[in-house]
Amino acid sequence: MSASSRFGYSMFTGAVISGLVVFHEATKRPAALTAYAAAHHMKVEWFRLYGFALLAVAIGLVLFVLASLVLLKASKRGSSSRQPAQGRQRSYGGSR
């Protein structure tokens, strides 16, 4: 999997998780959300939007780093077990 597709999947997953967290906070704890937004002199809608965006980016980046580390570890483990082919000539044309 390429790094760009891994990044895209990580950001998409971060957005989904962030959306679920913001939805839960907006439906289950609206008074706490309103009080916190009022303390920062913001509208609740903007506070939810900022919370969603920051949480999506943070979760997406953490998932991307974790996926990259897992892939790096797996590739190192796979490359150390390979042995070079014995008795093989590497010729690029020309005389033998």
Protein backbone atom coordinates (compact mmCIF):
# COMPACT_ATOMS: atom_id res chain seq x y z
CA MET A 1 0.00 0.00 0.00
CA SER A 2 1.40 3.37 -0.94
CA ALA A 3 1.90 6.15 1.56
CA SER A 4 -0.68 8.39 -0.10
CA SER A 5 -3.43 5.77 0.05
CA ARG A 6 -2.48 4.90 3.63
CA PHE A 7 -2.70 8.62 4.48
CA GLY A 8 -6.10 8.90 2.79
CA TYR A 9 -7.50 5.90 4.62
CA SER A 10 -6.13 7.20 7.91
CA MET A 11 -7.69 10.63 7.44
CA PHE A 12 -11.02 9.12 6.40
CA THR A 13 -11.04 6.89 9.48
CA GLY A 14 -10.10 9.88 11.63
CA ALA A 15 -13.01 11.86 10.20
CA VAL A 16 -15.47 9.04 10.87
CA ILE A 17 -14.28 8.56 14.45
CA SER A 18 -14.29 12.32 15.03
CA GLY A 19 -17.81 12.58 13.66
CA LEU A 20 -19.00 9.88 16.04
CA VAL A 21 -17.36 11.58 19.02
CA VAL A 22 -18.81 15.00 18.16
CA PHE A 23 -22.25 13.46 17.55
CA HIS A 24 -22.10 11.71 20.92
CA GLU A 25 -21.10 14.89 22.71
CA ALA A 26 -23.80 16.93 20.95
CA THR A 27 -26.59 14.47 21.78
CA LYS A 28 -25.60 13.08 25.17
CA ARG A 29 -23.93 16.12 26.77
CA PRO A 30 -25.37 19.27 25.17
CA ALA A 31 -25.30 21.31 28.39
CA ALA A 32 -21.59 20.68 28.92
CA LEU A 33 -20.86 21.53 25.29
CA THR A 34 -22.87 24.75 25.52
CA ALA A 35 -21.19 25.80 28.76
CA TYR A 36 -17.72 25.16 27.39
CA ALA A 37 -18.49 27.06 24.18
CA ALA A 38 -19.90 29.99 26.19
CA ALA A 39 -16.78 30.10 28.33
CA HIS A 40 -14.70 30.57 25.18
CA HIS A 41 -17.15 33.12 23.66
CA MET A 42 -17.99 30.89 20.70
CA LYS A 43 -21.17 29.65 19.14
CA VAL A 44 -21.86 25.99 19.76
CA GLU A 45 -21.93 25.23 16.03
CA TRP A 46 -18.46 26.70 15.49
CA PHE A 47 -17.17 24.93 18.56
CA ARG A 48 -18.44 21.60 17.18
CA LEU A 49 -16.89 22.35 13.81
CA TYR A 50 -13.50 23.21 15.29
CA GLY A 51 -13.66 20.18 17.56
CA PHE A 52 -14.51 17.92 14.64
CA ALA A 53 -11.72 19.29 12.44
CA LEU A 54 -9.00 19.18 15.08
CA LEU A 55 -10.01 15.76 16.32
CA ALA A 56 -10.19 14.37 12.76
CA VAL A 57 -6.69 15.62 11.91
CA ALA A 58 -5.21 14.41 15.21
CA ILE A 59 -6.76 10.94 14.99
CA GLY A 60 -5.88 10.66 11.30
CA LEU A 61 -2.23 11.54 11.88
CA VAL A 62 -1.93 9.13 14.80
CA LEU A 63 -3.45 6.33 12.70
CA PHE A 64 -1.13 7.16 9.79
CA VAL A 65 1.97 7.05 11.99
CA LEU A 66 0.87 3.78 13.59
CA ALA A 67 0.10 2.18 10.22
CA SER A 68 3.46 3.34 8.85
CA LEU A 69 5.32 1.91 11.84
CA VAL A 70 3.52 -1.43 11.53
CA LEU A 71 4.30 -1.57 7.82
CA LEU A 72 7.93 -0.62 8.41
CA LYS A 73 8.31 -3.31 11.05
CA ALA A 74 6.72 -5.92 8.80
CA SER A 75 8.96 -4.99 5.88
CA LYS A 76 12.09 -5.18 8.05
CA ARG A 77 11.07 -8.57 9.37
CA GLY A 78 10.43 -9.86 5.84
CA SER A 79 13.69 -8.55 4.39
CA SER A 80 15.92 -10.04 7.11
CA SER A 81 14.70 -13.57 6.46
CA ARG A 82 15.54 -13.48 2.74
CA GLN A 83 18.83 -14.99 1.65
CA PRO A 84 20.56 -13.97 -1.58
CA ALA A 85 20.45 -16.50 -4.38
CA GLN A 86 23.59 -18.65 -4.48
CA GLY A 87 25.60 -19.24 -7.62
CA ARG A 88 23.74 -16.72 -9.69
CA GLN A 89 25.63 -14.59 -12.20
CA ARG A 90 24.47 -11.05 -12.59
CA SER A 91 25.29 -10.13 -16.12
CA TYR A 92 24.07 -7.16 -18.07
CA GLY A 93 25.06 -8.27 -21.51
CA GLY A 94 28.45 -8.15 -23.10
CA SER A 95 30.98 -10.99 -23.04
CA ARG A 96 30.57 -13.98 -20.77
